[in-house]
Protein backbone atom coordinates (compact mmCIF):
# COMPACT_ATOMS: atom_id res chain seq x y z
CA UNK A 1 262.32 188.15 -38.55
CA UNK A 2 262.15 185.41 -40.78
CA UNK A 3 262.03 183.15 -38.36
CA UNK A 4 259.20 184.95 -36.50
CA UNK A 5 257.23 186.33 -39.14
CA UNK A 6 257.30 182.86 -40.88
CA UNK A 7 255.88 181.02 -37.49
CA UNK A 8 253.15 183.45 -37.76
CA UNK A 9 252.28 182.59 -40.90
CA UNK A 10 252.06 178.74 -40.52
CA UNK A 11 250.59 178.94 -37.06
CA UNK A 12 246.71 178.53 -38.34
CA UNK A 13 247.81 175.43 -39.95
CA UNK A 14 250.78 173.54 -38.23
CA UNK A 15 250.91 172.03 -34.67
CA UNK A 16 253.97 174.08 -34.11
CA UNK A 17 253.34 177.06 -32.34
CA UNK A 18 251.33 175.88 -29.68
CA UNK A 19 253.95 174.82 -26.92
CA UNK A 20 255.46 177.69 -24.50
CA UNK A 21 258.77 177.27 -25.61
CA UNK A 22 257.72 177.77 -29.48
CA UNK A 23 255.42 181.05 -28.65
CA UNK A 24 258.64 181.86 -26.39
CA UNK A 25 261.22 181.54 -29.76
CA UNK A 26 258.92 183.46 -31.82
CA UNK A 27 258.55 186.54 -30.08
CA UNK A 28 261.97 186.73 -29.01
CA UNK A 29 263.21 186.44 -32.60
CA UNK A 30 260.95 188.80 -34.07
CA UNK A 31 261.61 191.65 -31.09
CA UNK A 32 265.03 191.08 -31.62
CA UNK A 33 265.13 190.73 -35.11
CA UNK A 34 263.29 194.46 -35.27
CA UNK A 35 265.36 195.81 -32.85
CA UNK A 36 268.59 194.88 -35.07
CA UNK A 37 266.41 196.58 -37.29
CA UNK A 38 265.56 200.24 -35.88
CA UNK A 39 268.60 202.72 -35.58
CA UNK A 40 267.42 204.15 -32.98
CA UNK A 41 268.28 203.56 -28.88
CA UNK A 42 264.80 204.39 -27.98
CA UNK A 43 263.17 202.08 -29.59
CA UNK A 44 265.48 198.91 -29.01
CA UNK A 45 265.29 200.08 -25.28
CA UNK A 46 261.73 199.29 -25.73
CA UNK A 47 261.22 196.05 -27.72
CA UNK A 48 264.39 194.49 -25.05
CA UNK A 49 262.10 195.80 -22.07
CA UNK A 50 259.54 193.76 -23.92
CA UNK A 51 260.93 190.60 -23.72
CA UNK A 52 261.88 191.24 -20.14
CA UNK A 53 258.69 191.85 -19.34
CA UNK A 54 257.39 188.65 -21.12
CA UNK A 55 259.89 186.68 -19.30
CA UNK A 56 259.04 187.97 -15.71
CA UNK A 57 255.17 187.32 -16.52
CA UNK A 58 256.25 183.66 -17.57
CA UNK A 59 257.57 182.62 -14.71
CA UNK A 60 255.31 185.04 -12.43
CA UNK A 61 252.07 183.41 -13.47
CA UNK A 62 253.29 179.98 -14.23
CA UNK A 63 253.99 180.05 -10.16
CA UNK A 64 251.16 181.57 -9.08
CA UNK A 65 248.98 179.14 -11.03
CA UNK A 66 250.93 176.17 -9.41
CA UNK A 67 250.27 177.90 -6.28
CA UNK A 68 246.39 177.72 -6.63
CA UNK A 69 247.35 173.57 -6.76
CA UNK A 70 247.30 171.71 -3.54
CA UNK A 71 249.42 169.32 -4.43
CA UNK A 72 252.67 172.03 -5.25
CA UNK A 73 251.41 173.69 -1.89
CA UNK A 74 252.00 170.07 -0.01
CA UNK A 75 255.03 169.42 -2.02
CA UNK A 76 253.50 166.13 -3.94
CA UNK A 77 253.75 167.81 -7.05
CA UNK A 78 256.77 166.51 -8.18
CA UNK A 79 256.26 163.05 -7.28
CA UNK A 80 253.17 162.43 -9.06
CA UNK A 81 254.41 164.39 -12.38
CA UNK A 82 257.19 162.22 -12.25
CA UNK A 83 254.84 158.99 -12.32
CA UNK A 84 253.27 160.06 -15.85
CA UNK A 85 254.19 158.57 -18.87
CA UNK A 86 254.36 161.63 -20.79
CA UNK A 87 256.58 164.00 -18.96
CA UNK A 88 257.82 161.44 -16.28
CA UNK A 89 260.95 159.79 -15.20
CA UNK A 90 261.38 156.39 -13.50
CA UNK A 91 264.87 157.19 -12.08
CA UNK A 92 263.83 160.34 -10.08
CA UNK A 93 260.06 159.51 -9.29
CA UNK A 94 262.03 156.44 -7.15
CA UNK A 95 264.14 159.13 -6.03
CA UNK A 96 260.78 161.23 -4.99
CA UNK A 97 259.68 158.15 -3.51
CA UNK A 98 262.68 157.38 -1.50
CA UNK A 99 263.43 160.99 -0.25
CA UNK A 100 259.97 162.60 0.33
CA UNK A 101 261.16 165.72 2.28
CA UNK A 102 264.07 166.55 -0.06
CA UNK A 103 261.22 166.35 -2.84
CA UNK A 104 259.09 168.50 -1.17
CA UNK A 105 262.00 171.16 -0.63
CA UNK A 106 262.95 171.31 -4.21
CA UNK A 107 259.01 171.65 -5.26
CA UNK A 108 258.35 174.61 -3.37
CA UNK A 109 262.04 175.63 -4.28
CA UNK A 110 260.22 175.90 -7.93
CA UNK A 111 257.76 177.57 -6.55
CA UNK A 112 259.39 180.70 -5.10
CA UNK A 113 261.81 180.77 -8.05
CA UNK A 114 259.13 181.16 -10.27
CA UNK A 115 256.67 183.51 -7.80
CA UNK A 116 259.20 185.44 -7.18
CA UNK A 117 261.67 186.31 -10.03
CA UNK A 118 260.83 190.02 -10.40
CA UNK A 119 263.14 190.36 -7.59
CA UNK A 120 265.76 189.59 -9.92
CA UNK A 121 265.22 193.86 -10.19
CA UNK A 122 265.66 194.39 -6.77
CA UNK A 123 268.56 196.03 -4.67
CA UNK A 124 269.74 197.12 -8.45
CA UNK A 125 269.58 193.93 -9.81
CA UNK A 126 271.91 192.28 -7.46
CA UNK A 127 270.29 188.94 -7.41
CA UNK A 128 269.54 188.99 -11.08
CA UNK A 129 272.76 186.32 -11.99
CA UNK A 130 271.71 183.88 -8.74
CA UNK A 131 267.56 184.04 -9.83
CA UNK A 132 268.62 183.47 -13.63
CA UNK A 133 271.33 180.81 -12.95
CA UNK A 134 268.44 179.21 -10.69
CA UNK A 135 266.08 179.09 -13.55
CA UNK A 136 268.41 177.94 -16.61
CA UNK A 137 269.00 175.06 -14.12
CA UNK A 138 265.49 174.21 -13.70
CA UNK A 139 265.12 174.56 -17.67
CA UNK A 140 268.36 171.71 -18.01
CA UNK A 141 266.54 169.77 -15.64
CA UNK A 142 263.04 170.00 -17.26
CA UNK A 143 265.20 169.09 -20.21
CA UNK A 144 266.68 166.17 -19.32
CA UNK A 145 264.09 164.74 -16.89
CA UNK A 146 260.85 165.78 -18.96
CA UNK A 147 262.12 165.98 -22.33
CA UNK A 148 261.40 169.46 -22.14
CA UNK A 149 264.49 170.11 -24.51
CA UNK A 150 263.40 173.26 -26.44
CA UNK A 151 262.29 175.29 -23.38
CA UNK A 152 266.22 175.46 -22.74
CA UNK A 153 267.33 177.48 -25.90
CA UNK A 154 263.72 179.13 -25.53
CA UNK A 155 263.53 180.59 -22.32
CA UNK A 156 267.45 181.12 -21.64
CA UNK A 157 266.99 183.76 -25.20
CA UNK A 158 265.14 186.13 -22.72
CA UNK A 159 267.50 186.19 -20.14
CA UNK A 160 269.97 188.26 -21.64
CA UNK A 161 267.09 190.84 -21.86
CA UNK A 162 266.24 190.15 -18.03
CA UNK A 163 270.11 191.28 -17.46
CA UNK A 164 270.31 194.25 -19.17
CA UNK A 165 267.01 195.53 -18.14
CA UNK A 166 267.82 194.36 -14.29
CA UNK A 167 271.01 196.53 -14.23
CA UNK A 168 271.43 199.85 -12.35
CA UNK A 169 271.34 202.77 -15.18
CA UNK A 170 274.81 203.79 -13.98
CA UNK A 171 276.59 200.46 -15.03
CA UNK A 172 278.44 201.30 -18.09
CA UNK A 173 276.83 198.37 -20.24
CA UNK A 174 273.41 200.05 -20.05
CA UNK A 175 274.79 203.95 -19.92
CA UNK A 176 271.76 205.72 -21.54
CA UNK A 177 268.98 202.84 -21.43
CA UNK A 178 265.38 204.56 -21.80
CA UNK A 179 263.71 203.10 -19.21
CA UNK A 180 259.84 204.41 -20.43
CA UNK A 181 258.61 201.29 -21.66
CA UNK A 182 258.77 200.14 -17.42
CA UNK A 183 256.47 203.46 -17.10
CA UNK A 184 254.28 202.75 -20.38
CA UNK A 185 253.73 199.27 -19.25
CA UNK A 186 252.24 200.25 -15.58
CA UNK A 187 250.07 202.83 -17.35
CA UNK A 188 248.88 200.23 -19.75
CA UNK A 189 248.58 197.76 -16.61
CA UNK A 190 246.82 200.50 -14.65
CA UNK A 191 244.02 201.26 -17.72
CA UNK A 192 243.66 197.72 -18.20
CA UNK A 193 242.84 196.57 -14.61
CA UNK A 194 240.78 199.51 -14.54
CA UNK A 195 238.82 197.98 -17.67
CA UNK A 196 238.84 194.59 -16.53
CA UNK A 197 236.96 196.02 -13.42
CA UNK A 198 234.34 197.80 -15.14
CA UNK A 199 233.84 194.39 -17.46
CA UNK A 200 233.64 192.28 -14.64
CA UNK A 201 230.94 194.72 -12.78
CA UNK A 202 229.00 194.68 -15.76
CA UNK A 203 229.17 190.98 -16.48
CA UNK A 204 227.85 190.70 -12.56
CA UNK A 205 224.44 193.03 -13.70
CA UNK A 206 224.24 190.40 -16.80
CA UNK A 207 224.72 187.46 -14.50
CA UNK A 208 221.94 188.61 -11.89
CA UNK A 209 219.53 190.04 -13.88
CA UNK A 210 216.28 188.70 -13.53
CA UNK A 211 214.31 187.26 -16.46
CA UNK A 212 212.27 190.02 -18.38
CA UNK A 213 208.50 187.93 -16.66
CA UNK A 214 210.63 185.96 -14.32
CA UNK A 215 209.21 185.23 -10.76
CA UNK A 216 210.83 185.21 -7.46
CA UNK A 217 210.11 182.84 -4.33
CA UNK A 218 211.67 182.87 -1.05
CA UNK A 219 212.35 179.28 0.14
CA UNK A 220 212.27 177.89 4.23
CA UNK A 221 215.78 178.58 4.38
CA UNK A 222 215.23 182.40 3.37
CA UNK A 223 216.75 181.80 -0.20
CA UNK A 224 215.56 183.55 -3.18
CA UNK A 225 214.98 181.41 -6.21
CA UNK A 226 214.14 183.00 -9.61
CA UNK A 227 212.29 180.91 -11.77
CA UNK A 228 211.29 181.41 -15.04
CA UNK A 229 207.78 180.23 -16.07
CA UNK A 230 205.24 179.56 -19.24
CA UNK A 231 201.85 177.57 -17.63
CA UNK A 232 199.27 177.15 -19.62
CA UNK A 233 195.58 177.97 -19.77
CA UNK A 234 194.84 174.05 -19.43
CA UNK A 235 194.88 173.26 -15.94
CA UNK A 236 194.95 169.56 -16.81
CA UNK A 237 198.64 169.99 -18.38
CA UNK A 238 201.64 168.63 -16.49
CA UNK A 239 204.08 171.10 -15.56
CA UNK A 240 207.97 169.88 -15.86
CA UNK A 241 210.52 171.61 -13.92
CA UNK A 242 214.00 171.88 -15.08
CA UNK A 243 216.77 171.53 -12.71
CA UNK A 244 220.43 172.62 -13.55
CA UNK A 245 223.54 170.38 -13.16
CA UNK A 246 226.95 171.82 -10.74
CA UNK A 247 228.66 174.86 -12.46
CA UNK A 248 225.40 175.17 -14.73
CA UNK A 249 222.80 177.49 -15.84
CA UNK A 250 218.92 177.42 -16.53
CA UNK A 251 219.86 178.41 -20.17
CA UNK A 252 221.67 175.61 -20.61
CA UNK A 253 218.07 173.90 -21.43
CA UNK A 254 217.17 175.95 -24.36
CA UNK A 255 216.81 173.54 -26.98
CA UNK A 256 214.99 171.34 -25.01
CA UNK A 257 212.29 173.85 -23.71
CA UNK A 258 211.77 175.23 -26.86
CA UNK A 259 210.94 171.90 -28.35
CA UNK A 260 208.13 171.34 -25.62
CA UNK A 261 207.27 174.77 -26.50
CA UNK A 262 207.28 174.07 -30.36
CA UNK A 263 205.18 170.84 -30.05
CA UNK A 264 203.49 170.98 -26.66
CA UNK A 265 201.26 173.11 -24.37
CA UNK A 266 202.69 171.50 -21.03
CA UNK A 267 203.92 174.08 -18.49
CA UNK A 268 207.77 174.57 -17.78
CA UNK A 269 209.04 176.04 -14.89
CA UNK A 270 213.21 177.05 -15.13
CA UNK A 271 215.00 177.94 -12.15
CA UNK A 272 218.25 179.03 -10.83
CA UNK A 273 219.04 177.04 -7.26
CA UNK A 274 220.53 179.65 -4.68
CA UNK A 275 223.78 181.26 -5.30
CA UNK A 276 223.55 180.86 -9.54
CA UNK A 277 222.32 183.29 -12.14
CA UNK A 278 219.30 186.05 -9.99
CA UNK A 279 218.81 184.01 -7.30
CA UNK A 280 220.28 184.55 -3.82
CA UNK A 281 221.39 182.35 -0.75
CA UNK A 282 220.14 184.37 2.07
CA UNK A 283 220.67 181.30 4.26
CA UNK A 284 223.42 181.23 7.26
CA UNK A 285 223.92 178.04 8.15
CA UNK A 286 226.74 176.12 6.25
CA UNK A 287 225.73 174.83 2.77
CA UNK A 288 224.23 171.04 2.13
CA UNK A 289 222.69 169.02 -0.33
CA UNK A 290 219.09 169.11 1.53
CA UNK A 291 218.90 172.67 1.43
CA UNK A 292 218.96 172.64 -2.45
CA UNK A 293 216.52 169.28 -1.77
CA UNK A 294 213.95 171.72 0.14
CA UNK A 295 214.24 174.64 -1.82
CA UNK A 296 213.11 172.60 -4.52
CA UNK A 297 210.22 171.05 -2.47
CA UNK A 298 209.58 175.06 -1.76
CA UNK A 299 209.58 176.06 -5.48
CA UNK A 300 207.10 172.74 -6.03
CA UNK A 301 204.41 173.69 -3.30
CA UNK A 302 204.64 177.45 -4.30
CA UNK A 303 204.89 177.51 -7.95
CA UNK A 304 202.64 174.94 -9.30
CA UNK A 305 198.72 174.52 -8.46
CA UNK A 306 197.72 171.97 -6.26
CA UNK A 307 196.37 169.13 -8.29
CA UNK A 308 198.38 169.78 -11.55
CA UNK A 309 201.15 166.63 -12.45
CA UNK A 310 204.43 167.58 -11.87
CA UNK A 311 207.73 166.06 -13.30
CA UNK A 312 211.12 167.01 -12.47
CA UNK A 313 213.69 167.12 -14.59
CA UNK A 314 217.44 167.12 -14.12
CA UNK A 315 220.88 166.79 -15.42
CA UNK A 316 223.85 166.06 -13.12
CA UNK A 317 223.57 166.85 -10.33
CA UNK A 318 220.21 168.66 -10.81
CA UNK A 319 218.91 164.66 -11.15
CA UNK A 320 220.08 163.70 -7.78
CA UNK A 321 218.36 166.68 -6.41
CA UNK A 322 215.00 165.73 -8.20
CA UNK A 323 215.29 162.13 -7.13
CA UNK A 324 215.77 163.25 -3.03
CA UNK A 325 212.81 165.88 -3.91
CA UNK A 326 210.47 163.19 -5.52
CA UNK A 327 210.70 160.99 -2.37
CA UNK A 328 209.89 163.99 0.03
CA UNK A 329 207.24 165.16 -2.29
CA UNK A 330 205.27 161.67 -2.92
CA UNK A 331 201.94 162.22 -4.94
CA UNK A 332 202.97 165.55 -6.05
CA UNK A 333 205.51 163.91 -8.33
CA UNK A 334 204.14 162.42 -11.38
CA UNK A 335 208.02 161.23 -12.89
CA UNK A 336 211.27 161.69 -12.75
CA UNK A 337 213.78 162.52 -15.58
CA UNK A 338 216.91 162.15 -15.56
CA UNK A 339 219.41 163.83 -17.87
CA UNK A 340 222.78 161.69 -17.43
CA UNK A 341 222.20 162.28 -13.60
CA UNK A 342 224.53 161.72 -10.84
CA UNK A 343 224.65 159.01 -8.65
CA UNK A 344 225.19 159.05 -4.79
CA UNK A 345 227.42 156.27 -4.84
CA UNK A 346 229.36 157.08 -7.93
CA UNK A 347 232.45 158.40 -5.62
CA UNK A 348 232.87 154.95 -4.54
CA UNK A 349 232.09 153.01 -7.28
CA UNK A 350 233.09 155.04 -10.38
CA UNK A 351 237.32 154.79 -10.73
CA UNK A 352 236.63 157.58 -12.93
CA UNK A 353 234.49 159.91 -11.20
CA UNK A 354 237.04 159.22 -8.46
CA UNK A 355 240.18 160.24 -10.22
CA UNK A 356 238.41 163.33 -11.72
CA UNK A 357 237.20 164.33 -7.65
CA UNK A 358 240.91 164.88 -6.79
CA UNK A 359 241.09 167.47 -9.42
CA UNK A 360 238.19 168.93 -9.52
CA UNK A 361 238.70 171.39 -6.62
CA UNK A 362 241.76 172.42 -7.76
CA UNK A 363 240.54 173.57 -10.97
CA UNK A 364 237.15 175.53 -9.00
CA UNK A 365 239.91 177.24 -6.68
CA UNK A 366 241.97 178.29 -9.44
CA UNK A 367 239.05 179.43 -11.75
CA UNK A 368 237.15 180.80 -8.91
CA UNK A 369 240.68 183.35 -8.08
CA UNK A 370 240.74 184.02 -11.88
CA UNK A 371 237.31 185.44 -12.30
CA UNK A 372 238.22 187.06 -9.33
CA UNK A 373 241.18 188.90 -10.05
CA UNK A 374 239.52 190.57 -12.97
CA UNK A 375 240.48 187.89 -15.42
CA UNK A 376 237.32 186.65 -16.83
CA UNK A 377 238.25 189.78 -19.77
CA UNK A 378 240.64 187.69 -20.57
CA UNK A 379 237.69 184.50 -21.27
CA UNK A 380 236.87 183.23 -24.66
CA UNK A 381 233.40 182.59 -25.45
CA UNK A 382 233.46 178.35 -25.21
CA UNK A 383 231.65 176.12 -27.69
CA UNK A 384 229.46 175.15 -25.83
CA UNK A 385 227.89 178.95 -25.35
CA UNK A 386 227.75 179.32 -29.52
CA UNK A 387 225.99 176.44 -29.42
CA UNK A 388 223.07 177.24 -27.28
CA UNK A 389 220.19 179.06 -29.34
CA UNK A 390 221.03 182.64 -30.02
CA UNK A 391 218.71 184.68 -27.51
CA UNK A 392 220.26 182.85 -24.62
CA UNK A 393 223.97 183.14 -25.83
CA UNK A 394 224.92 186.30 -24.02
CA UNK A 395 223.08 185.86 -21.07
CA UNK A 396 224.69 182.42 -20.40
CA UNK A 397 228.57 183.41 -20.81
CA UNK A 398 227.74 186.32 -18.49
CA UNK A 399 227.43 183.54 -15.93
CA UNK A 400 229.88 181.94 -17.17
CA UNK A 401 232.33 184.42 -16.79
CA UNK A 402 231.53 185.73 -13.47
CA UNK A 403 233.34 184.23 -10.05
CA UNK A 404 229.69 183.71 -8.33
CA UNK A 405 229.01 180.67 -10.48
CA UNK A 406 232.66 179.04 -9.31
CA UNK A 407 232.09 179.96 -5.87
CA UNK A 408 228.31 178.33 -5.51
CA UNK A 409 230.04 175.34 -7.66
CA UNK A 410 232.88 175.00 -5.27
CA UNK A 411 230.11 174.91 -2.09
CA UNK A 412 227.99 172.69 -3.96
CA UNK A 413 230.84 170.32 -4.33
CA UNK A 414 232.16 170.25 -1.23
CA UNK A 415 228.71 168.97 0.08
CA UNK A 416 228.58 166.69 -2.85
CA UNK A 417 231.53 165.30 -1.90
CA UNK A 418 230.72 164.72 1.51
CA UNK A 419 227.37 163.66 1.29
CA UNK A 420 228.09 161.23 -1.67
CA UNK A 421 231.38 159.45 0.26
CA UNK A 422 228.72 159.28 3.50
CA UNK A 423 226.38 157.32 1.12
CA UNK A 424 225.85 153.54 1.41
CA UNK A 425 223.20 150.69 0.68
CA UNK A 426 220.69 150.83 -2.17
CA UNK A 427 218.67 153.80 -3.58
CA UNK A 428 214.88 153.67 -1.75
CA UNK A 429 211.96 153.05 -3.66
CA UNK A 430 209.88 155.92 -5.68
CA UNK A 431 206.64 155.78 -6.45
CA UNK A 432 206.75 157.79 -9.87
CA UNK A 433 207.38 156.80 -13.27
CA UNK A 434 210.85 157.51 -14.72
CA UNK A 435 213.00 158.33 -17.81
CA UNK A 436 216.42 157.93 -17.45
CA UNK A 437 218.55 159.34 -20.35
CA UNK A 438 222.12 158.12 -20.42
CA UNK A 439 225.28 160.53 -22.61
CA UNK A 440 226.51 157.74 -24.97
CA UNK A 441 229.99 158.97 -24.27
CA UNK A 442 229.87 159.04 -20.64
CA UNK A 443 229.21 155.43 -20.34
CA UNK A 444 231.46 154.58 -23.15
CA UNK A 445 234.06 155.83 -20.70
CA UNK A 446 232.95 154.49 -17.82
CA UNK A 447 230.48 151.58 -17.79
CA UNK A 448 229.80 151.92 -14.21
CA UNK A 449 227.97 154.88 -14.64
CA UNK A 450 225.94 152.79 -16.98
CA UNK A 451 224.93 150.34 -14.27
CA UNK A 452 224.20 153.39 -11.82
CA UNK A 453 221.80 154.92 -14.43
CA UNK A 454 220.15 151.56 -14.40
CA UNK A 455 219.84 151.59 -10.48
CA UNK A 456 218.05 155.20 -10.57
CA UNK A 457 215.72 153.65 -13.12
CA UNK A 458 214.83 150.55 -10.73
CA UNK A 459 214.31 152.26 -8.34
CA UNK A 460 211.11 153.60 -9.80
CA UNK A 461 209.75 149.98 -11.17
CA UNK A 462 206.59 149.32 -9.49
CA UNK A 463 202.63 147.88 -10.82
CA UNK A 464 201.63 150.45 -13.32
CA UNK A 465 204.91 152.66 -13.79
CA UNK A 466 206.50 153.63 -17.12
CA UNK A 467 210.55 152.91 -16.52
CA UNK A 468 212.29 154.00 -19.29
CA UNK A 469 216.66 153.75 -19.68
CA UNK A 470 218.08 154.70 -22.66
CA UNK A 471 221.47 155.91 -24.25
CA UNK A 472 221.40 158.95 -26.21
CA UNK A 473 224.08 157.89 -29.08
CA UNK A 474 226.68 160.58 -29.62
CA UNK A 475 225.88 162.37 -26.86
CA UNK A 476 228.16 163.41 -24.20
CA UNK A 477 227.50 165.20 -20.62
CA UNK A 478 227.36 168.53 -22.23
CA UNK A 479 226.03 167.88 -25.59
CA UNK A 480 223.26 166.10 -24.23
CA UNK A 481 221.78 169.69 -23.49
CA UNK A 482 223.96 172.15 -25.95
CA UNK A 483 224.28 170.35 -28.83
CA UNK A 484 220.66 171.99 -31.11
CA UNK A 485 220.14 168.64 -33.16
CA UNK A 486 220.81 166.40 -29.27
CA UNK A 487 218.66 169.11 -27.27
CA UNK A 488 215.76 168.65 -29.80
CA UNK A 489 216.16 164.69 -29.80
CA UNK A 490 216.11 164.87 -25.94
CA UNK A 491 213.26 167.05 -25.66
CA UNK A 492 211.49 164.95 -28.42
CA UNK A 493 211.94 162.19 -25.86
CA UNK A 494 210.89 163.82 -22.65
CA UNK A 495 207.38 164.49 -24.93
CA UNK A 496 207.17 160.93 -25.62
CA UNK A 497 207.69 159.76 -22.05
CA UNK A 498 205.07 162.07 -20.44
CA UNK A 499 202.47 161.63 -23.09
CA UNK A 500 202.85 157.76 -22.43
CA UNK A 501 202.35 158.52 -19.03
CA UNK A 502 199.33 160.43 -19.28
CA UNK A 503 197.71 158.41 -21.73
CA UNK A 504 198.35 155.31 -19.44
CA UNK A 505 197.01 157.26 -16.34
CA UNK A 506 194.16 158.72 -18.18
CA UNK A 507 193.09 155.13 -19.32
CA UNK A 508 192.80 154.11 -15.91
CA UNK A 509 196.69 153.02 -15.25
CA UNK A 510 197.29 150.05 -17.43
CA UNK A 511 199.51 147.51 -15.96
CA UNK A 512 203.24 147.46 -16.10
CA UNK A 513 205.20 145.37 -13.51
CA UNK A 514 208.82 145.24 -13.15
CA UNK A 515 209.39 142.56 -16.00
CA UNK A 516 207.77 145.07 -18.49
CA UNK A 517 210.03 148.25 -17.43
CA UNK A 518 213.15 145.96 -17.90
CA UNK A 519 212.05 144.62 -21.36
CA UNK A 520 211.55 148.08 -22.28
CA UNK A 521 214.96 149.39 -20.91
CA UNK A 522 216.98 146.39 -22.42
CA UNK A 523 215.98 147.30 -25.74
CA UNK A 524 216.24 150.75 -25.73
CA UNK A 525 219.84 150.38 -24.02
CA UNK A 526 220.72 148.04 -27.10
């Protein structure tokens, strides 16, 4: 009891307690201590059942989460783990390379052990001993090869409770065992599933609820795009159209659009791509990036009056979609604003992007399936949601916790990966002004990204065009939008850029060739 309670008291201020073995040790010690203090057999059995059920849940969840990852399904996970510096072992890594077939069988054996651990309760606990022995061997091996020694004692401490609760009730050692805890747990689980389903339905309604004064446009592909607009009465004022990144929401632009509303009368349109938020994808054909490009073109043509200047603002993948739309829209687009934008050659040139691409799909797949299983109720609001303007937080979180956003992200990622891997050559020239903002942490981690962002700007350079490349200090790919100070700074730079373009074109279009733009770019980048 002392160990369990002291761990709980010290947990907020100490690193100890964050590891799985620490958590298991704490609740085993606490439950065992309470069972020793109680003189009622029913209470003791309830606490022993609690530990046993936690043991089953630990193995079961760990196994099914692994099953969502392709490396575990194809048997390559063991080799991948053993080659890491943190948990790896050179000798075992060499063996997995030398004998790949047994290594695959071993990885699949671990999956089977964890996913099927509750089989220990089948046929009156007939399989309990071999399953627990296999689990013990698994933990000993992890202790030796991966350095996870504390897992041996922590998880083995749960096995006596598993043995006790899995034994048939006519066994002399468990005579009179009270199993009401199992029934109560099943009832609570059923109630929890019902509540989780209800909350998921509520989140879906909130995530797909149209904006109060929003509008809808049906594109050539049949997709229904919901968008929110603020258009000034001044018909000469430019209109900025904001496009989000992958797995993102229109609410991410909250701080930027607030800045524009406060300090200008420019028109603002923010929209959700098909499948995000209230927008619906109706197209029956397989998805390609061109579909989103076409949708954006149709939005500009349908929502912005002819003769008004249009600026396309895109974050991440939204920047690449905006670049392609600008190519097709031609003179309708006065400028393109890239916010830490994607580049179609990044999967070929950026090692970091290549490595993250291999993990991204597994992460998306796991998140999507977890949310579809109703686990969205267990999500806590991430920091970026708390950083957004107060009035948009609940809507942004509802979309984040809804599987629909992640399914759309998976669809976009599959199309993006295939599209980017086919890219070769140089970016085509675009006859529009450009502002390229890079997040400092993005280019610090991967200098190749800065070179590619420079190429985005270079594609716009020409006689009379304003082209600026700059790096936003202290920003990363996300805080560029979600942080109040950084989002406000992005808004200020957008305002300065648009005002410079409008003033220059209004004065008859001063001359600024490639050299002038390059000089401005170098100064701001420094």
